[in-house]
PDB file of N, CA and C in Angstrom:
ATOM      1  N   MET A   1     -41.505 -27.014  44.728  1.00  0.00           N
ATOM      2  CA  MET A   1     -40.581 -27.902  45.406  1.00  0.00           C
ATOM      3  C   MET A   1     -40.148 -27.308  46.743  1.00  0.00           C
ATOM      4  N   SER A   2     -39.957 -26.004  46.771  1.00  0.00           N
ATOM      5  CA  SER A   2     -39.510 -25.352  47.994  1.00  0.00           C
ATOM      6  C   SER A   2     -40.583 -25.416  49.077  1.00  0.00           C
ATOM      7  N   THR A   3     -41.845 -25.234  48.705  1.00  0.00           N
ATOM      8  CA  THR A   3     -42.907 -25.288  49.709  1.00  0.00           C
ATOM      9  C   THR A   3     -43.085 -26.705  50.254  1.00  0.00           C
ATOM     10  N   THR A   4     -42.901 -27.700  49.412  1.00  0.00           N
ATOM     11  CA  THR A   4     -42.995 -29.085  49.865  1.00  0.00           C
ATOM     12  C   THR A   4     -41.887 -29.400  50.856  1.00  0.00           C
ATOM     13  N   MET A   5     -40.678 -28.970  50.559  1.00  0.00           N
ATOM     14  CA  MET A   5     -39.551 -29.215  51.458  1.00  0.00           C
ATOM     15  C   MET A   5     -39.731 -28.464  52.778  1.00  0.00           C
ATOM     16  N   ASN A   6     -40.247 -27.239  52.719  1.00  0.00           N
ATOM     17  CA  ASN A   6     -40.513 -26.486  53.947  1.00  0.00           C
ATOM     18  C   ASN A   6     -41.558 -27.186  54.810  1.00  0.00           C
ATOM     19  N   PHE A   7     -42.590 -27.731  54.183  1.00  0.00           N
ATOM     20  CA  PHE A   7     -43.619 -28.457  54.919  1.00  0.00           C
ATOM     21  C   PHE A   7     -43.037 -29.688  55.600  1.00  0.00           C
ATOM     22  N   ILE A   8     -42.210 -30.433  54.877  1.00  0.00           N
ATOM     23  CA  ILE A   8     -41.597 -31.641  55.440  1.00  0.00           C
ATOM     24  C   ILE A   8     -40.688 -31.289  56.604  1.00  0.00           C
ATOM     25  N   LEU A   9     -39.867 -30.270  56.450  1.00  0.00           N
ATOM     26  CA  LEU A   9     -38.960 -29.878  57.526  1.00  0.00           C
ATOM     27  C   LEU A   9     -39.712 -29.337  58.736  1.00  0.00           C
ATOM     28  N   ARG A  10     -40.804 -28.643  58.510  1.00  0.00           N
ATOM     29  CA  ARG A  10     -41.576 -28.059  59.606  1.00  0.00           C
ATOM     30  C   ARG A  10     -42.221 -29.135  60.467  1.00  0.00           C
ATOM     31  N   HIS A  11     -42.681 -30.195  59.842  1.00  0.00           N
ATOM     32  CA  HIS A  11     -43.432 -31.210  60.567  1.00  0.00           C
ATOM     33  C   HIS A  11     -42.657 -32.501  60.797  1.00  0.00           C
ATOM     34  N   ALA A  12     -41.382 -32.525  60.487  1.00  0.00           N
ATOM     35  CA  ALA A  12     -40.592 -33.749  60.614  1.00  0.00           C
ATOM     36  C   ALA A  12     -40.433 -34.189  62.063  1.00  0.00           C
ATOM     37  N   ALA A  13     -40.290 -33.269  62.981  1.00  0.00           N
ATOM     38  CA  ALA A  13     -40.036 -33.634  64.378  1.00  0.00           C
ATOM     39  C   ALA A  13     -41.206 -34.405  64.975  1.00  0.00           C
ATOM     40  N   TRP A  14     -42.411 -33.855  64.866  1.00  0.00           N
ATOM     41  CA  TRP A  14     -43.517 -34.570  65.489  1.00  0.00           C
ATOM     42  C   TRP A  14     -43.919 -35.802  64.690  1.00  0.00           C
ATOM     43  N   LEU A  15     -43.694 -35.820  63.376  1.00  0.00           N
ATOM     44  CA  LEU A  15     -43.968 -37.030  62.604  1.00  0.00           C
ATOM     45  C   LEU A  15     -43.045 -38.168  63.021  1.00  0.00           C
ATOM     46  N   CYS A  16     -41.775 -37.851  63.259  1.00  0.00           N
ATOM     47  CA  CYS A  16     -40.824 -38.871  63.717  1.00  0.00           C
ATOM     48  C   CYS A  16     -41.211 -39.394  65.094  1.00  0.00           C
ATOM     49  N   LEU A  17     -41.639 -38.509  65.987  1.00  0.00           N
ATOM     50  CA  LEU A  17     -42.064 -38.956  67.314  1.00  0.00           C
ATOM     51  C   LEU A  17     -43.282 -39.872  67.240  1.00  0.00           C
ATOM     52  N   ILE A  18     -44.209 -39.556  66.373  1.00  0.00           N
ATOM     53  CA  ILE A  18     -45.384 -40.416  66.216  1.00  0.00           C
ATOM     54  C   ILE A  18     -44.983 -41.778  65.668  1.00  0.00           C
ATOM     55  N   LEU A  19     -44.128 -41.796  64.658  1.00  0.00           N
ATOM     56  CA  LEU A  19     -43.714 -43.068  64.069  1.00  0.00           C
ATOM     57  C   LEU A  19     -42.947 -43.931  65.060  1.00  0.00           C
ATOM     58  N   ILE A  20     -42.048 -43.335  65.816  1.00  0.00           N
ATOM     59  CA  ILE A  20     -41.296 -44.101  66.811  1.00  0.00           C
ATOM     60  C   ILE A  20     -42.233 -44.638  67.889  1.00  0.00           C
ATOM     61  N   SER A  21     -43.181 -43.840  68.318  1.00  0.00           N
ATOM     62  CA  SER A  21     -44.130 -44.289  69.338  1.00  0.00           C
ATOM     63  C   SER A  21     -45.005 -45.424  68.831  1.00  0.00           C
ATOM     64  N   ILE A  22     -45.428 -45.345  67.598  1.00  0.00           N
ATOM     65  CA  ILE A  22     -46.257 -46.413  67.036  1.00  0.00           C
ATOM     66  C   ILE A  22     -45.459 -47.699  66.881  1.00  0.00           C
ATOM     67  N   LEU A  23     -44.203 -47.587  66.459  1.00  0.00           N
ATOM     68  CA  LEU A  23     -43.376 -48.779  66.298  1.00  0.00           C
ATOM     69  C   LEU A  23     -43.095 -49.464  67.633  1.00  0.00           C
ATOM     70  N   LEU A  24     -42.989 -48.698  68.680  1.00  0.00           N
ATOM     71  CA  LEU A  24     -42.664 -49.250  69.992  1.00  0.00           C
ATOM     72  C   LEU A  24     -43.874 -49.368  70.905  1.00  0.00           C
ATOM     73  N   LEU A  25     -45.052 -49.409  70.344  1.00  0.00           N
ATOM     74  CA  LEU A  25     -46.271 -49.344  71.146  1.00  0.00           C
ATOM     75  C   LEU A  25     -46.570 -50.633  71.908  1.00  0.00           C
ATOM     76  N   ASN A  26     -45.834 -51.689  71.644  1.00  0.00           N
ATOM     77  CA  ASN A  26     -46.112 -52.954  72.300  1.00  0.00           C
ATOM     78  C   ASN A  26     -45.014 -53.316  73.300  1.00  0.00           C
ATOM     79  N   PRO A  27     -44.677 -52.454  74.222  1.00  0.00           N
ATOM     80  CA  PRO A  27     -43.654 -52.799  75.210  1.00  0.00           C
ATOM     81  C   PRO A  27     -44.228 -53.663  76.330  1.00  0.00           C
ATOM     82  N   ILE A  28     -43.348 -54.316  77.054  1.00  0.00           N
ATOM     83  CA  ILE A  28     -43.764 -55.195  78.143  1.00  0.00           C
ATOM     84  C   ILE A  28     -43.834 -54.430  79.465  1.00  0.00           C
ATOM     85  N   ILE A  29     -42.886 -53.551  79.704  1.00  0.00           N
ATOM     86  CA  ILE A  29     -42.818 -52.830  80.968  1.00  0.00           C
ATOM     87  C   ILE A  29     -43.881 -51.725  80.984  1.00  0.00           C
ATOM     88  N   ALA A  30     -44.640 -51.659  82.068  1.00  0.00           N
ATOM     89  CA  ALA A  30     -45.742 -50.691  82.162  1.00  0.00           C
ATOM     90  C   ALA A  30     -45.232 -49.255  82.161  1.00  0.00           C
ATOM     91  N   GLU A  31     -44.100 -49.010  82.801  1.00  0.00           N
ATOM     92  CA  GLU A  31     -43.553 -47.654  82.833  1.00  0.00           C
ATOM     93  C   GLU A  31     -43.165 -47.186  81.434  1.00  0.00           C
ATOM     94  N   PHE A  32     -42.635 -48.094  80.645  1.00  0.00           N
ATOM     95  CA  PHE A  32     -42.254 -47.753  79.276  1.00  0.00           C
ATOM     96  C   PHE A  32     -43.487 -47.430  78.440  1.00  0.00           C
ATOM     97  N   ARG A  33     -44.566 -48.182  78.660  1.00  0.00           N
ATOM     98  CA  ARG A  33     -45.820 -47.881  77.950  1.00  0.00           C
ATOM     99  C   ARG A  33     -46.349 -46.513  78.346  1.00  0.00           C
ATOM    100  N   THR A  34     -46.208 -46.156  79.613  1.00  0.00           N
ATOM    101  CA  THR A  34     -46.654 -44.846  80.079  1.00  0.00           C
ATOM    102  C   THR A  34     -45.839 -43.738  79.430  1.00  0.00           C
ATOM    103  N   LEU A  35     -44.528 -43.923  79.344  1.00  0.00           N
ATOM    104  CA  LEU A  35     -43.678 -42.933  78.676  1.00  0.00           C
ATOM    105  C   LEU A  35     -44.054 -42.772  77.208  1.00  0.00           C
ATOM    106  N   LEU A  36     -44.366 -43.868  76.544  1.00  0.00           N
ATOM    107  CA  LEU A  36     -44.777 -43.782  75.144  1.00  0.00           C
ATOM    108  C   LEU A  36     -46.120 -43.073  75.003  1.00  0.00           C
ATOM    109  N   LEU A  37     -47.017 -43.321  75.923  1.00  0.00           N
ATOM    110  CA  LEU A  37     -48.311 -42.642  75.882  1.00  0.00           C
ATOM    111  C   LEU A  37     -48.142 -41.142  76.097  1.00  0.00           C
ATOM    112  N   ILE A  38     -47.273 -40.759  77.024  1.00  0.00           N
ATOM    113  CA  ILE A  38     -46.983 -39.342  77.243  1.00  0.00           C
ATOM    114  C   ILE A  38     -46.364 -38.730  75.997  1.00  0.00           C
ATOM    115  N   THR A  39     -45.451 -39.471  75.346  1.00  0.00           N
ATOM    116  CA  THR A  39     -44.819 -38.981  74.116  1.00  0.00           C
ATOM    117  C   THR A  39     -45.850 -38.761  73.020  1.00  0.00           C
ATOM    118  N   ILE A  40     -46.787 -39.678  72.893  1.00  0.00           N
ATOM    119  CA  ILE A  40     -47.830 -39.535  71.871  1.00  0.00           C
ATOM    120  C   ILE A  40     -48.690 -38.303  72.154  1.00  0.00           C
ATOM    121  N   PHE A  41     -49.092 -38.118  73.416  1.00  0.00           N
ATOM    122  CA  PHE A  41     -49.922 -36.955  73.754  1.00  0.00           C
ATOM    123  C   PHE A  41     -49.176 -35.643  73.555  1.00  0.00           C
ATOM    124  N   GLU A  42     -47.904 -35.604  73.914  1.00  0.00           N
ATOM    125  CA  GLU A  42     -47.120 -34.383  73.713  1.00  0.00           C
ATOM    126  C   GLU A  42     -46.901 -34.105  72.228  1.00  0.00           C
ATOM    127  N   THR A  43     -46.773 -35.154  71.432  1.00  0.00           N
ATOM    128  CA  THR A  43     -46.630 -34.977  69.992  1.00  0.00           C
ATOM    129  C   THR A  43     -47.895 -34.366  69.408  1.00  0.00           C
ATOM    130  N   VAL A  44     -49.037 -34.853  69.837  1.00  0.00           N
ATOM    131  CA  VAL A  44     -50.304 -34.279  69.380  1.00  0.00           C
ATOM    132  C   VAL A  44     -50.428 -32.830  69.849  1.00  0.00           C
ATOM    133  N   ALA A  45     -49.984 -32.547  71.078  1.00  0.00           N
ATOM    134  CA  ALA A  45     -50.038 -31.175  71.591  1.00  0.00           C
ATOM    135  C   ALA A  45     -49.130 -30.255  70.782  1.00  0.00           C
ATOM    136  N   LEU A  46     -47.939 -30.726  70.416  1.00  0.00           N
ATOM    137  CA  LEU A  46     -47.049 -29.919  69.582  1.00  0.00           C
ATOM    138  C   LEU A  46     -47.668 -29.646  68.217  1.00  0.00           C
ATOM    139  N   PHE A  47     -48.312 -30.653  67.645  1.00  0.00           N
ATOM    140  CA  PHE A  47     -48.974 -30.463  66.360  1.00  0.00           C
ATOM    141  C   PHE A  47     -50.090 -29.427  66.473  1.00  0.00           C
ATOM    142  N   LEU A  48     -50.891 -29.535  67.527  1.00  0.00           N
ATOM    143  CA  LEU A  48     -51.997 -28.591  67.694  1.00  0.00           C
ATOM    144  C   LEU A  48     -51.504 -27.171  67.941  1.00  0.00           C
ATOM    145  N   SER A  49     -50.435 -27.021  68.723  1.00  0.00           N
ATOM    146  CA  SER A  49     -49.915 -25.671  68.948  1.00  0.00           C
ATOM    147  C   SER A  49     -49.301 -25.109  67.674  1.00  0.00           C
ATOM    148  N   GLY A  50     -48.642 -25.950  66.888  1.00  0.00           N
ATOM    149  CA  GLY A  50     -48.114 -25.489  65.600  1.00  0.00           C
ATOM    150  C   GLY A  50     -49.220 -25.077  64.655  1.00  0.00           C
ATOM    151  N   LEU A  51     -50.291 -25.845  64.634  1.00  0.00           N
ATOM    152  CA  LEU A  51     -51.438 -25.507  63.794  1.00  0.00           C
ATOM    153  C   LEU A  51     -52.096 -24.210  64.258  1.00  0.00           C
ATOM    154  N   ALA A  52     -52.208 -24.031  65.573  1.00  0.00           N
ATOM    155  CA  ALA A  52     -52.817 -22.808  66.098  1.00  0.00           C
ATOM    156  C   ALA A  52     -51.968 -21.583  65.788  1.00  0.00           C
ATOM    157  N   VAL A  53     -50.659 -21.698  65.939  1.00  0.00           N
ATOM    158  CA  VAL A  53     -49.773 -20.570  65.640  1.00  0.00           C
ATOM    159  C   VAL A  53     -49.799 -20.259  64.148  1.00  0.00           C
ATOM    160  N   TYR A  54     -49.814 -21.291  63.311  1.00  0.00           N
ATOM    161  CA  TYR A  54     -49.885 -21.081  61.861  1.00  0.00           C
ATOM    162  C   TYR A  54     -51.181 -20.362  61.497  1.00  0.00           C
ATOM    163  N   THR A  55     -52.292 -20.805  62.062  1.00  0.00           N
ATOM    164  CA  THR A  55     -53.577 -20.169  61.782  1.00  0.00           C
ATOM    165  C   THR A  55     -53.604 -18.736  62.289  1.00  0.00           C
ATOM    166  N   PHE A  56     -53.062 -18.504  63.479  1.00  0.00           N
ATOM    167  CA  PHE A  56     -53.058 -17.161  64.057  1.00  0.00           C
ATOM    168  C   PHE A  56     -52.204 -16.205  63.235  1.00  0.00           C
ATOM    169  N   THR A  57     -51.074 -16.686  62.712  1.00  0.00           N
ATOM    170  CA  THR A  57     -50.204 -15.791  61.946  1.00  0.00           C
ATOM    171  C   THR A  57     -50.712 -15.581  60.524  1.00  0.00           C
ATOM    172  N   LYS A  58     -51.457 -16.526  59.973  1.00  0.00           N
ATOM    173  CA  LYS A  58     -51.992 -16.354  58.617  1.00  0.00           C
ATOM    174  C   LYS A  58     -53.227 -15.464  58.599  1.00  0.00           C
ATOM    175  N   ILE A  59     -54.054 -15.561  59.628  1.00  0.00           N
ATOM    176  CA  ILE A  59     -55.257 -14.738  59.728  1.00  0.00           C
ATOM    177  C   ILE A  59     -54.975 -13.648  60.755  1.00  0.00           C
ATOM    178  N   ASP A  60     -55.109 -12.410  60.361  1.00  0.00           N
ATOM    179  CA  ASP A  60     -54.792 -11.291  61.244  1.00  0.00           C
ATOM    180  C   ASP A  60     -55.972 -11.037  62.182  1.00  0.00           C
ATOM    181  N   PHE A  61     -55.927 -11.625  63.374  1.00  0.00           N
ATOM    182  CA  PHE A  61     -57.026 -11.513  64.325  1.00  0.00           C
ATOM    183  C   PHE A  61     -57.036 -10.186  65.071  1.00  0.00           C
ATOM    184  N   ILE A  62     -55.854  -9.681  65.446  1.00  0.00           N
ATOM    185  CA  ILE A  62     -55.822  -8.528  66.339  1.00  0.00           C
ATOM    186  C   ILE A  62     -55.337  -7.251  65.676  1.00  0.00           C
ATOM    187  N   GLY A  63     -54.773  -7.319  64.488  1.00  0.00           N
ATOM    188  CA  GLY A  63     -54.368  -6.126  63.763  1.00  0.00           C
ATOM    189  C   GLY A  63     -53.011  -5.578  64.158  1.00  0.00           C
ATOM    190  N   GLU A  64     -52.406  -6.100  65.194  1.00  0.00           N
ATOM    191  CA  GLU A  64     -51.074  -5.656  65.603  1.00  0.00           C
ATOM    192  C   GLU A  64     -50.250  -6.886  65.985  1.00  0.00           C
ATOM    193  N   GLN A  65     -48.959  -6.747  65.982  1.00  0.00           N
ATOM    194  CA  GLN A  65     -48.074  -7.865  66.286  1.00  0.00           C
ATOM    195  C   GLN A  65     -47.875  -7.971  67.795  1.00  0.00           C
ATOM    196  N   SER A  66     -48.163  -9.124  68.343  1.00  0.00           N
ATOM    197  CA  SER A  66     -47.999  -9.344  69.774  1.00  0.00           C
ATOM    198  C   SER A  66     -47.432 -10.739  69.994  1.00  0.00           C
ATOM    199  N   TYR A  67     -46.198 -10.789  70.505  1.00  0.00           N
ATOM    200  CA  TYR A  67     -45.562 -12.080  70.740  1.00  0.00           C
ATOM    201  C   TYR A  67     -46.124 -12.769  71.985  1.00  0.00           C
ATOM    202  N   GLY A  68     -46.681 -12.003  72.894  1.00  0.00           N
ATOM    203  CA  GLY A  68     -47.277 -12.593  74.085  1.00  0.00           C
ATOM    204  C   GLY A  68     -48.458 -13.481  73.760  1.00  0.00           C
ATOM    205  N   ILE A  69     -49.234 -13.087  72.769  1.00  0.00           N
ATOM    206  CA  ILE A  69     -50.394 -13.886  72.369  1.00  0.00           C
ATOM    207  C   ILE A  69     -49.947 -15.221  71.790  1.00  0.00           C
ATOM    208  N   LEU A  70     -48.861 -15.223  71.022  1.00  0.00           N
ATOM    209  CA  LEU A  70     -48.339 -16.485  70.495  1.00  0.00           C
ATOM    210  C   LEU A  70     -47.891 -17.401  71.631  1.00  0.00           C
ATOM    211  N   GLY A  71     -47.315 -16.836  72.664  1.00  0.00           N
ATOM    212  CA  GLY A  71     -46.932 -17.628  73.832  1.00  0.00           C
ATOM    213  C   GLY A  71     -48.137 -18.207  74.547  1.00  0.00           C
ATOM    214  N   TYR A  72     -49.207 -17.420  74.647  1.00  0.00           N
ATOM    215  CA  TYR A  72     -50.430 -17.915  75.278  1.00  0.00           C
ATOM    216  C   TYR A  72     -51.075 -19.028  74.457  1.00  0.00           C
ATOM    217  N   ILE A  73     -50.968 -18.953  73.142  1.00  0.00           N
ATOM    218  CA  ILE A  73     -51.489 -20.037  72.295  1.00  0.00           C
ATOM    219  C   ILE A  73     -50.741 -21.320  72.589  1.00  0.00           C
ATOM    220  N   PHE A  74     -49.420 -21.236  72.674  1.00  0.00           N
ATOM    221  CA  PHE A  74     -48.616 -22.423  72.958  1.00  0.00           C
ATOM    222  C   PHE A  74     -48.950 -22.980  74.338  1.00  0.00           C
ATOM    223  N   LEU A  75     -49.070 -22.117  75.338  1.00  0.00           N
ATOM    224  CA  LEU A  75     -49.380 -22.578  76.693  1.00  0.00           C
ATOM    225  C   LEU A  75     -50.781 -23.158  76.800  1.00  0.00           C
ATOM    226  N   SER A  76     -51.721 -22.659  76.025  1.00  0.00           N
ATOM    227  CA  SER A  76     -53.087 -23.166  76.117  1.00  0.00           C
ATOM    228  C   SER A  76     -53.195 -24.600  75.620  1.00  0.00           C
ATOM    229  N   VAL A  77     -52.350 -24.990  74.696  1.00  0.00           N
ATOM    230  CA  VAL A  77     -52.381 -26.364  74.201  1.00  0.00           C
ATOM    231  C   VAL A  77     -51.778 -27.316  75.229  1.00  0.00           C
ATOM    232  N   HIS A  78     -50.768 -26.859  75.936  1.00  0.00           N
ATOM    233  CA  HIS A  78     -50.104 -27.730  76.906  1.00  0.00           C
ATOM    234  C   HIS A  78     -50.756 -27.591  78.251  1.00  0.00           C
TER     235      HIS A  78
END
């Protein structure tokens, strides 16, 4: 139960952004559609950076702890 709740809390932010963007995907104003498209792309980028950081921390690639590498992973997605 604890791992399920941790998973939900970890991914709740980008899941909510995706759901809100999908619900509002049919706007009339072009600028609003552009903002929603940017929100969708940033949500996907956040998911990918979270997945990359999770994979990097679970698999020991470099053998030592380096916070700079985690920052570079986040920047590479964006």
